[in-house]
């Protein structure tokens, strides 16, 4: 197959099955591939014009889970141990950055007022996106 045709087909497949704006669902629980294998969980707190606001959990999964027990999700501090990751209460991402993390939607959840504390502070400070 010619390289240009292969590139066009891969682009079409990415467009059809990749993460798009409509895939970023507030309250959605997602998993993203970890740097050293496995997957980490995140929740979308808010979607706005500039991007996607997430909460990054420290939980590690060896494979993509079919569902996540929300009560088991936690945010580890600076004393985290691999394969955990540092928990992030709020992280503003551009849509492009979020899509590059290859998020896999797992299930719908809700967002509490407490979870939005970091987002509200970010908004007051007119923060940017990564």
Protein backbone atom coordinates (compact mmCIF):
# COMPACT_ATOMS: atom_id res chain seq x y z
CA UNK A 1 0.00 0.00 0.00
CA UNK A 2 1.33 3.43 -0.89
CA UNK A 3 2.50 5.52 2.09
CA UNK A 4 0.10 8.39 1.36
CA UNK A 5 -2.89 6.08 1.12
CA UNK A 6 -1.85 4.32 4.34
CA UNK A 7 -1.54 7.70 6.08
CA UNK A 8 -5.00 8.76 4.87
CA UNK A 9 -6.57 5.51 6.08
CA UNK A 10 -4.88 5.79 9.47
CA UNK A 11 -6.08 9.39 9.76
CA UNK A 12 -9.65 8.38 8.93
CA UNK A 13 -9.57 5.56 11.49
CA UNK A 14 -8.22 7.99 14.12
CA UNK A 15 -10.94 10.49 13.28
CA UNK A 16 -13.67 7.87 13.53
CA UNK A 17 -12.47 6.08 16.65
CA UNK A 18 -10.21 8.59 18.38
CA UNK A 19 -11.12 10.94 21.19
CA UNK A 20 -12.95 13.99 19.90
CA UNK A 21 -14.61 16.94 21.56
CA UNK A 22 -17.85 15.03 21.91
CA UNK A 23 -16.02 12.18 23.66
CA UNK A 24 -14.92 14.37 26.56
CA UNK A 25 -17.87 13.87 28.91
CA UNK A 26 -18.16 15.71 32.22
CA UNK A 27 -18.21 13.13 34.99
CA UNK A 28 -16.77 10.48 32.70
CA UNK A 29 -14.24 8.05 34.17
CA UNK A 30 -11.45 7.20 31.75
CA UNK A 31 -8.23 5.22 31.74
CA UNK A 32 -5.05 6.32 30.01
CA UNK A 33 -1.93 4.28 29.27
CA UNK A 34 0.85 4.64 31.82
CA UNK A 35 4.44 5.42 30.83
CA UNK A 36 5.62 1.97 31.93
CA UNK A 37 2.60 -0.09 30.90
CA UNK A 38 -0.73 -0.47 32.60
CA UNK A 39 -3.38 2.22 32.94
CA UNK A 40 -4.28 5.07 35.26
CA UNK A 41 -7.74 6.45 36.01
CA UNK A 42 -8.98 9.99 35.56
CA UNK A 43 -12.28 11.82 35.78
CA UNK A 44 -13.38 14.73 33.65
CA UNK A 45 -14.51 17.47 36.00
CA UNK A 46 -15.43 20.09 33.43
CA UNK A 47 -15.33 20.67 29.68
CA UNK A 48 -15.15 24.29 28.53
CA UNK A 49 -14.19 26.25 25.42
CA UNK A 50 -10.48 26.01 26.18
CA UNK A 51 -10.20 22.37 27.08
CA UNK A 52 -10.82 19.57 29.52
CA UNK A 53 -10.37 19.73 33.30
CA UNK A 54 -9.44 16.42 34.87
CA UNK A 55 -8.83 14.81 38.24
CA UNK A 56 -5.95 12.32 37.97
CA UNK A 57 -6.14 9.36 40.30
CA UNK A 58 -3.22 7.33 41.61
CA UNK A 59 -4.82 3.96 40.96
CA UNK A 60 -2.94 1.59 38.63
CA UNK A 61 -4.59 -1.09 36.49
CA UNK A 62 -2.55 -3.73 34.61
CA UNK A 63 -5.20 -3.75 31.83
CA UNK A 64 -8.10 -1.49 30.89
CA UNK A 65 -10.83 -2.25 33.43
CA UNK A 66 -14.39 -2.86 32.26
CA UNK A 67 -15.61 -0.82 35.24
CA UNK A 68 -14.12 1.06 38.16
CA UNK A 69 -15.23 0.95 41.78
CA UNK A 70 -15.35 4.68 42.43
CA UNK A 71 -14.94 4.18 46.18
CA UNK A 72 -11.47 2.71 45.48
CA UNK A 73 -10.18 5.82 43.66
CA UNK A 74 -7.60 7.85 45.57
CA UNK A 75 -5.06 10.66 45.22
CA UNK A 76 -1.58 9.75 46.47
CA UNK A 77 0.69 12.51 47.71
CA UNK A 78 4.41 12.95 47.18
CA UNK A 79 5.05 9.66 48.99
CA UNK A 80 3.50 7.62 46.16
CA UNK A 81 5.14 4.36 45.15
CA UNK A 82 5.40 3.02 41.58
CA UNK A 83 3.27 1.98 39.76
CA UNK A 84 1.10 4.62 41.46
CA UNK A 85 1.21 8.17 40.16
CA UNK A 86 0.97 11.44 42.01
CA UNK A 87 -2.70 12.31 42.44
CA UNK A 88 -3.92 15.54 40.84
CA UNK A 89 -7.07 17.18 42.15
CA UNK A 90 -7.36 19.45 39.09
CA UNK A 91 -5.41 19.63 35.86
CA UNK A 92 -6.50 21.82 32.92
CA UNK A 93 -5.64 20.20 29.57
CA UNK A 94 -6.14 21.41 26.03
CA UNK A 95 -8.31 19.10 23.96
CA UNK A 96 -5.23 18.17 21.95
CA UNK A 97 -3.28 17.16 25.06
CA UNK A 98 -6.23 15.19 26.41
CA UNK A 99 -6.62 13.33 23.09
CA UNK A 100 -2.87 12.59 22.99
CA UNK A 101 -3.23 10.73 26.30
CA UNK A 102 -5.41 8.18 24.42
CA UNK A 103 -8.23 8.16 26.97
CA UNK A 104 -10.55 5.15 27.07
CA UNK A 105 -14.03 5.85 28.42
CA UNK A 106 -14.94 3.38 31.18
CA UNK A 107 -18.17 4.64 32.72
CA UNK A 108 -20.25 7.67 33.59
CA UNK A 109 -19.98 9.18 37.07
CA UNK A 110 -20.91 12.46 38.73
CA UNK A 111 -18.81 15.43 39.78
CA UNK A 112 -19.20 16.77 43.32
CA UNK A 113 -18.86 20.40 44.37
CA UNK A 114 -15.79 19.41 46.41
CA UNK A 115 -14.10 17.98 43.32
CA UNK A 116 -14.60 21.32 41.57
CA UNK A 117 -12.69 23.34 44.23
CA UNK A 118 -9.46 23.32 42.19
CA UNK A 119 -11.33 24.22 39.02
CA UNK A 120 -13.02 27.18 40.74
CA UNK A 121 -9.64 28.45 42.01
CA UNK A 122 -8.17 28.02 38.52
CA UNK A 123 -11.07 30.00 37.06
CA UNK A 124 -10.62 32.85 39.56
CA UNK A 125 -6.92 32.98 38.68
CA UNK A 126 -7.61 32.98 34.91
CA UNK A 127 -5.37 29.94 34.47
CA UNK A 128 -4.14 28.37 31.25
CA UNK A 129 -4.05 24.84 29.83
CA UNK A 130 -1.33 22.25 29.41
